[in-house]
Structure formats: structure tokens, C-alpha cells
Amino acid sequence: MAMNSMADNIRITAQVSDPMAEKLQAAADLTGVSLDDFVIQAALEKAGAIIDREETIWYSREDAEWLIGLLDSPAQPNAKLSQAFERYKNKVNDGSLREDTEGDAQDRKFQQRQRHSR
């Protein structure tokens, strides 16, 4: 599906019964906007509420207290994590840890394949 630029407009149409149309028009009249503007604004408000509801993580007071407790008193690192951190520090200190470029990674793969094929 192609994305539309901000300048593009998309037409959305809907068929509604006479009572629905009358109700929507009455609400639009009461707010002082056109029917189109009213329907668009109402749809956007509803869309925003649905998106907010679905993207929000709700938790109880007990959940919040448990999370704050974990943050206030984090677990001590286990032996494996401590060892991994020491290896990382050593690599940083001796300069062997560096950011690879895509070309460096491809060169190393080629060299490894050459060594294994001998």
C-alpha cells in the first residue's frame, strides 16, 4: 500500500440511515461546524482513544510497588554476567572491541571461508 503525502487527500464515504444522519447533523449544528468536519473530528477522537487504550499498559498498585521495589533493590549480577562484563572491559581496554563496518564484517567472513576451505 502506498503512503500518501501530507498534501494528498483521501475521500472517505459512509452511508447512514436518515435517523443517524439527522442526529449527526444536529450535533454538528450544536457545535457550529459542518457535518463533514464534525464526523471527521468525532472519528479522530475515537481513533485516538482506541490507540491510546491499546498502547497503554495498565497495572495495579501492587504491580507498581513490585516494580519500584525491583528498581530500588536490583538483584546482584550472577557469576556468568560478572565474567561477561570482565571480558567486555578487557576488550575495551585493549582496543580489540571496535565497531565494525559492513565491509570489515564481509572481509572477515571471506577470510574465515578461505581458512576453512584449505
N, C-alpha and C. Protein backbone atom coordinates (compact mmCIF):
# COMPACT_ATOMS: atom_id res chain seq x y z
N MET A 1 0.85 -1.18 0.00
CA MET A 1 0.00 0.00 0.00
C MET A 1 0.89 1.23 0.00
N ALA A 2 0.61 2.18 -0.86
CA ALA A 2 1.41 3.39 -0.96
C ALA A 2 1.02 4.37 0.15
N MET A 3 2.03 5.03 0.68
CA MET A 3 1.80 6.05 1.70
C MET A 3 1.45 7.36 0.99
N ASN A 4 0.52 8.10 1.56
CA ASN A 4 0.13 9.37 0.98
C ASN A 4 0.90 10.48 1.64
N SER A 5 1.27 11.49 0.85
CA SER A 5 1.95 12.65 1.42
C SER A 5 0.92 13.51 2.14
N MET A 6 1.42 14.47 2.90
CA MET A 6 0.53 15.34 3.66
C MET A 6 -0.39 16.13 2.74
N ALA A 7 0.05 16.38 1.49
CA ALA A 7 -0.76 17.17 0.57
C ALA A 7 -1.89 16.36 -0.05
N ASP A 8 -1.79 15.03 -0.02
CA ASP A 8 -2.83 14.19 -0.60
C ASP A 8 -4.05 14.14 0.30
N ASN A 9 -5.21 14.08 -0.32
CA ASN A 9 -6.46 13.92 0.42
C ASN A 9 -7.11 12.63 -0.01
N ILE A 10 -7.68 11.95 0.93
CA ILE A 10 -8.38 10.70 0.66
C ILE A 10 -9.85 10.93 1.00
N ARG A 11 -10.71 10.49 0.11
CA ARG A 11 -12.14 10.62 0.35
C ARG A 11 -12.63 9.38 1.09
N ILE A 12 -13.32 9.60 2.18
CA ILE A 12 -13.95 8.52 2.93
C ILE A 12 -15.45 8.76 2.88
N THR A 13 -16.17 7.76 2.45
CA THR A 13 -17.63 7.90 2.37
C THR A 13 -18.29 6.89 3.28
N ALA A 14 -19.46 7.23 3.73
CA ALA A 14 -20.23 6.32 4.58
C ALA A 14 -21.71 6.53 4.31
N GLN A 15 -22.42 5.43 4.26
CA GLN A 15 -23.87 5.53 4.13
C GLN A 15 -24.48 5.30 5.51
N VAL A 16 -25.39 6.18 5.88
CA VAL A 16 -26.05 6.06 7.17
C VAL A 16 -27.56 6.22 6.97
N SER A 17 -28.30 5.73 7.92
CA SER A 17 -29.75 5.86 7.85
C SER A 17 -30.15 7.32 8.09
N ASP A 18 -31.39 7.65 7.74
CA ASP A 18 -31.88 9.01 7.96
C ASP A 18 -31.79 9.41 9.43
N PRO A 19 -32.22 8.56 10.37
CA PRO A 19 -32.10 8.97 11.78
C PRO A 19 -30.66 9.24 12.21
N MET A 20 -29.70 8.44 11.70
CA MET A 20 -28.30 8.67 12.04
C MET A 20 -27.82 9.99 11.47
N ALA A 21 -28.17 10.25 10.21
CA ALA A 21 -27.75 11.49 9.56
C ALA A 21 -28.33 12.70 10.29
N GLU A 22 -29.59 12.60 10.71
CA GLU A 22 -30.22 13.71 11.44
C GLU A 22 -29.53 13.95 12.77
N LYS A 23 -29.18 12.88 13.46
CA LYS A 23 -28.51 13.01 14.76
C LYS A 23 -27.12 13.64 14.58
N LEU A 24 -26.37 13.16 13.59
CA LEU A 24 -25.05 13.72 13.33
C LEU A 24 -25.15 15.19 12.94
N GLN A 25 -26.12 15.52 12.10
CA GLN A 25 -26.28 16.91 11.68
C GLN A 25 -26.67 17.80 12.86
N ALA A 26 -27.54 17.29 13.74
CA ALA A 26 -27.94 18.07 14.91
C ALA A 26 -26.72 18.35 15.79
N ALA A 27 -25.87 17.35 15.99
CA ALA A 27 -24.67 17.54 16.81
C ALA A 27 -23.72 18.52 16.13
N ALA A 28 -23.57 18.42 14.82
CA ALA A 28 -22.71 19.34 14.08
C ALA A 28 -23.23 20.77 14.21
N ASP A 29 -24.54 20.93 14.09
CA ASP A 29 -25.15 22.26 14.22
C ASP A 29 -24.90 22.83 15.61
N LEU A 30 -25.03 21.99 16.63
CA LEU A 30 -24.84 22.45 18.00
C LEU A 30 -23.40 22.88 18.27
N THR A 31 -22.46 22.27 17.57
CA THR A 31 -21.05 22.64 17.77
C THR A 31 -20.58 23.69 16.78
N GLY A 32 -21.42 24.03 15.82
CA GLY A 32 -21.09 25.11 14.90
C GLY A 32 -20.11 24.73 13.80
N VAL A 33 -20.08 23.47 13.43
CA VAL A 33 -19.20 23.04 12.35
C VAL A 33 -20.03 22.31 11.30
N SER A 34 -19.42 22.10 10.14
CA SER A 34 -20.12 21.37 9.09
C SER A 34 -20.24 19.90 9.48
N LEU A 35 -21.12 19.19 8.81
CA LEU A 35 -21.30 17.77 9.08
C LEU A 35 -20.00 17.01 8.80
N ASP A 36 -19.34 17.33 7.68
CA ASP A 36 -18.07 16.68 7.36
C ASP A 36 -17.05 16.90 8.47
N ASP A 37 -16.89 18.15 8.90
CA ASP A 37 -15.92 18.45 9.96
C ASP A 37 -16.27 17.73 11.26
N PHE A 38 -17.56 17.68 11.57
CA PHE A 38 -17.98 17.01 12.80
C PHE A 38 -17.66 15.52 12.76
N VAL A 39 -17.98 14.88 11.64
CA VAL A 39 -17.74 13.44 11.51
C VAL A 39 -16.24 13.15 11.56
N ILE A 40 -15.45 13.97 10.88
CA ILE A 40 -14.00 13.77 10.90
C ILE A 40 -13.46 13.93 12.31
N GLN A 41 -13.87 14.99 13.00
CA GLN A 41 -13.37 15.23 14.37
C GLN A 41 -13.79 14.10 15.30
N ALA A 42 -15.05 13.66 15.19
CA ALA A 42 -15.52 12.57 16.04
C ALA A 42 -14.75 11.27 15.76
N ALA A 43 -14.50 11.00 14.49
CA ALA A 43 -13.75 9.79 14.12
C ALA A 43 -12.32 9.86 14.64
N LEU A 44 -11.69 11.04 14.53
CA LEU A 44 -10.32 11.19 15.04
C LEU A 44 -10.25 11.04 16.55
N GLU A 45 -11.23 11.60 17.25
CA GLU A 45 -11.27 11.45 18.71
C GLU A 45 -11.40 9.98 19.09
N LYS A 46 -12.28 9.27 18.42
CA LYS A 46 -12.49 7.85 18.69
C LYS A 46 -11.23 7.05 18.36
N ALA A 47 -10.61 7.36 17.22
CA ALA A 47 -9.38 6.66 16.83
C ALA A 47 -8.28 6.90 17.86
N GLY A 48 -8.15 8.13 18.31
CA GLY A 48 -7.15 8.45 19.33
C GLY A 48 -7.39 7.69 20.63
N ALA A 49 -8.65 7.62 21.03
CA ALA A 49 -8.98 6.90 22.27
C ALA A 49 -8.66 5.42 22.13
N ILE A 50 -8.96 4.83 21.01
CA ILE A 50 -8.68 3.40 20.79
C ILE A 50 -7.18 3.16 20.78
N ILE A 51 -6.43 3.99 20.07
CA ILE A 51 -4.98 3.82 20.00
C ILE A 51 -4.37 4.00 21.39
N ASP A 52 -4.77 5.02 22.12
CA ASP A 52 -4.27 5.22 23.48
C ASP A 52 -4.57 4.02 24.37
N ARG A 53 -5.79 3.51 24.28
CA ARG A 53 -6.18 2.37 25.11
C ARG A 53 -5.34 1.14 24.79
N GLU A 54 -5.09 0.91 23.51
CA GLU A 54 -4.36 -0.29 23.11
C GLU A 54 -2.86 -0.18 23.34
N GLU A 55 -2.33 1.04 23.37
CA GLU A 55 -0.89 1.23 23.55
C GLU A 55 -0.50 1.48 25.00
N THR A 56 -1.47 1.61 25.87
CA THR A 56 -1.20 1.88 27.28
C THR A 56 -1.14 0.59 28.06
N ILE A 57 -0.14 0.48 28.90
CA ILE A 57 -0.03 -0.68 29.77
C ILE A 57 -0.61 -0.29 31.12
N TRP A 58 -1.61 -1.01 31.53
CA TRP A 58 -2.26 -0.73 32.81
C TRP A 58 -1.75 -1.71 33.85
N TYR A 59 -1.53 -1.23 35.05
CA TYR A 59 -1.09 -2.10 36.12
C TYR A 59 -1.70 -1.64 37.43
N SER A 60 -1.73 -2.55 38.37
CA SER A 60 -2.34 -2.27 39.66
C SER A 60 -1.33 -1.57 40.58
N ARG A 61 -1.80 -1.11 41.70
CA ARG A 61 -0.93 -0.50 42.71
C ARG A 61 0.10 -1.52 43.18
N GLU A 62 -0.33 -2.78 43.34
CA GLU A 62 0.60 -3.82 43.77
C GLU A 62 1.69 -4.04 42.72
N ASP A 63 1.30 -4.02 41.44
CA ASP A 63 2.28 -4.17 40.36
C ASP A 63 3.30 -3.03 40.41
N ALA A 64 2.81 -1.81 40.62
CA ALA A 64 3.70 -0.64 40.68
C ALA A 64 4.66 -0.75 41.85
N GLU A 65 4.15 -1.18 43.00
CA GLU A 65 5.01 -1.33 44.18
C GLU A 65 6.07 -2.40 43.94
N TRP A 66 5.69 -3.51 43.29
CA TRP A 66 6.64 -4.57 42.99
C TRP A 66 7.74 -4.06 42.06
N LEU A 67 7.35 -3.31 41.01
CA LEU A 67 8.32 -2.78 40.06
C LEU A 67 9.26 -1.79 40.74
N ILE A 68 8.72 -0.90 41.54
CA ILE A 68 9.55 0.08 42.25
C ILE A 68 10.52 -0.63 43.19
N GLY A 69 10.03 -1.70 43.83
CA GLY A 69 10.91 -2.48 44.69
C GLY A 69 12.08 -3.09 43.92
N LEU A 70 11.81 -3.60 42.73
CA LEU A 70 12.88 -4.15 41.90
C LEU A 70 13.88 -3.08 41.49
N LEU A 71 13.38 -1.91 41.17
CA LEU A 71 14.26 -0.82 40.76
C LEU A 71 15.08 -0.29 41.94
N ASP A 72 14.47 -0.26 43.12
CA ASP A 72 15.17 0.22 44.31
C ASP A 72 16.21 -0.77 44.81
N SER A 73 15.97 -2.06 44.61
CA SER A 73 16.87 -3.11 45.10
C SER A 73 17.13 -4.11 43.99
N PRO A 74 17.94 -3.75 43.01
CA PRO A 74 18.18 -4.67 41.90
C PRO A 74 18.94 -5.91 42.38
N ALA A 75 18.74 -7.00 41.67
CA ALA A 75 19.44 -8.25 42.01
C ALA A 75 20.92 -8.08 41.70
N GLN A 76 21.74 -8.80 42.44
CA GLN A 76 23.17 -8.78 42.20
C GLN A 76 23.48 -9.61 40.95
N PRO A 77 24.48 -9.20 40.17
CA PRO A 77 24.81 -9.97 38.98
C PRO A 77 25.33 -11.36 39.36
N ASN A 78 24.96 -12.36 38.57
CA ASN A 78 25.46 -13.71 38.83
C ASN A 78 26.86 -13.85 38.25
N ALA A 79 27.46 -15.01 38.46
CA ALA A 79 28.86 -15.22 38.04
C ALA A 79 29.02 -15.07 36.54
N LYS A 80 28.11 -15.62 35.75
CA LYS A 80 28.21 -15.54 34.29
C LYS A 80 28.19 -14.08 33.81
N LEU A 81 27.29 -13.29 34.38
CA LEU A 81 27.21 -11.89 33.98
C LEU A 81 28.48 -11.15 34.39
N SER A 82 28.98 -11.40 35.57
CA SER A 82 30.23 -10.76 36.02
C SER A 82 31.39 -11.12 35.10
N GLN A 83 31.48 -12.39 34.71
CA GLN A 83 32.55 -12.82 33.80
C GLN A 83 32.41 -12.14 32.44
N ALA A 84 31.18 -12.05 31.94
CA ALA A 84 30.96 -11.41 30.64
C ALA A 84 31.35 -9.93 30.71
N PHE A 85 31.03 -9.29 31.82
CA PHE A 85 31.38 -7.88 31.96
C PHE A 85 32.90 -7.72 32.02
N GLU A 86 33.59 -8.58 32.70
CA GLU A 86 35.05 -8.52 32.76
C GLU A 86 35.66 -8.70 31.37
N ARG A 87 35.14 -9.66 30.59
CA ARG A 87 35.64 -9.86 29.22
C ARG A 87 35.41 -8.62 28.38
N TYR A 88 34.26 -8.01 28.54
CA TYR A 88 33.94 -6.79 27.80
C TYR A 88 34.90 -5.67 28.18
N LYS A 89 35.12 -5.46 29.49
CA LYS A 89 36.04 -4.41 29.95
C LYS A 89 37.44 -4.64 29.39
N ASN A 90 37.90 -5.90 29.39
CA ASN A 90 39.22 -6.20 28.87
C ASN A 90 39.33 -5.87 27.39
N LYS A 91 38.28 -6.19 26.63
CA LYS A 91 38.29 -5.89 25.20
C LYS A 91 38.27 -4.39 24.95
N VAL A 92 37.53 -3.66 25.75
CA VAL A 92 37.51 -2.21 25.60
C VAL A 92 38.88 -1.64 25.93
N ASN A 93 39.48 -2.12 27.01
CA ASN A 93 40.77 -1.59 27.44
C ASN A 93 41.90 -1.92 26.47
N ASP A 94 41.88 -3.11 25.86
CA ASP A 94 42.98 -3.46 24.96
C ASP A 94 42.72 -3.04 23.51
N GLY A 95 41.58 -2.43 23.26
CA GLY A 95 41.28 -1.91 21.93
C GLY A 95 40.76 -2.94 20.94
N SER A 96 40.52 -4.16 21.38
CA SER A 96 40.05 -5.18 20.44
C SER A 96 38.55 -5.07 20.17
N LEU A 97 37.88 -4.27 20.96
CA LEU A 97 36.44 -4.08 20.74
C LEU A 97 36.27 -2.79 19.97
N ARG A 98 35.78 -2.91 18.76
CA ARG A 98 35.55 -1.72 17.94
C ARG A 98 34.31 -1.97 17.11
N GLU A 99 33.77 -0.90 16.59
CA GLU A 99 32.56 -1.00 15.77
C GLU A 99 32.96 -1.44 14.37
N ASP A 100 32.35 -2.49 13.90
CA ASP A 100 32.64 -3.00 12.56
C ASP A 100 31.85 -2.23 11.53
N THR A 101 32.49 -2.01 10.41
CA THR A 101 31.73 -1.52 9.27
C THR A 101 31.25 -2.75 8.51
N GLU A 102 30.32 -2.58 7.63
CA GLU A 102 29.79 -3.72 6.88
C GLU A 102 30.90 -4.37 6.07
N GLY A 103 31.79 -3.57 5.50
CA GLY A 103 32.90 -4.11 4.71
C GLY A 103 33.84 -4.94 5.55
N ASP A 104 34.15 -4.50 6.78
CA ASP A 104 35.03 -5.26 7.68
C ASP A 104 34.42 -6.62 7.98
N ALA A 105 33.14 -6.65 8.26
CA ALA A 105 32.48 -7.91 8.58
C ALA A 105 32.51 -8.84 7.37
N GLN A 106 32.30 -8.32 6.18
CA GLN A 106 32.33 -9.16 4.98
C GLN A 106 33.74 -9.67 4.72
N ASP A 107 34.76 -8.83 4.95
CA ASP A 107 36.15 -9.26 4.78
C ASP A 107 36.48 -10.41 5.72
N ARG A 108 36.07 -10.30 6.96
CA ARG A 108 36.34 -11.36 7.94
C ARG A 108 35.65 -12.65 7.54
N LYS A 109 34.41 -12.56 7.07
CA LYS A 109 33.70 -13.77 6.64
C LYS A 109 34.42 -14.44 5.48
N PHE A 110 34.89 -13.62 4.54
CA PHE A 110 35.63 -14.15 3.40
C PHE A 110 36.91 -14.84 3.87
N GLN A 111 37.63 -14.20 4.78
CA GLN A 111 38.87 -14.78 5.29
C GLN A 111 38.61 -16.08 6.05
N GLN A 112 37.53 -16.12 6.81
CA GLN A 112 37.18 -17.35 7.54
C GLN A 112 36.85 -18.47 6.56
N ARG A 113 36.12 -18.17 5.49
CA ARG A 113 35.79 -19.19 4.49
C ARG A 113 37.05 -19.69 3.81
N GLN A 114 38.01 -18.77 3.55
CA GLN A 114 39.26 -19.17 2.92
C GLN A 114 40.04 -20.13 3.83
N ARG A 115 40.07 -19.81 5.13
CA ARG A 115 40.80 -20.67 6.06
C ARG A 115 40.18 -22.04 6.16
N HIS A 116 38.85 -22.10 6.18
CA HIS A 116 38.14 -23.37 6.34
C HIS A 116 38.18 -24.22 5.07
N SER A 117 38.38 -23.58 3.93
CA SER A 117 38.39 -24.34 2.67
C SER A 117 39.75 -24.95 2.37
N ARG A 118 40.78 -24.60 3.11
CA ARG A 118 42.15 -25.13 2.87
C ARG A 118 42.31 -26.52 3.39
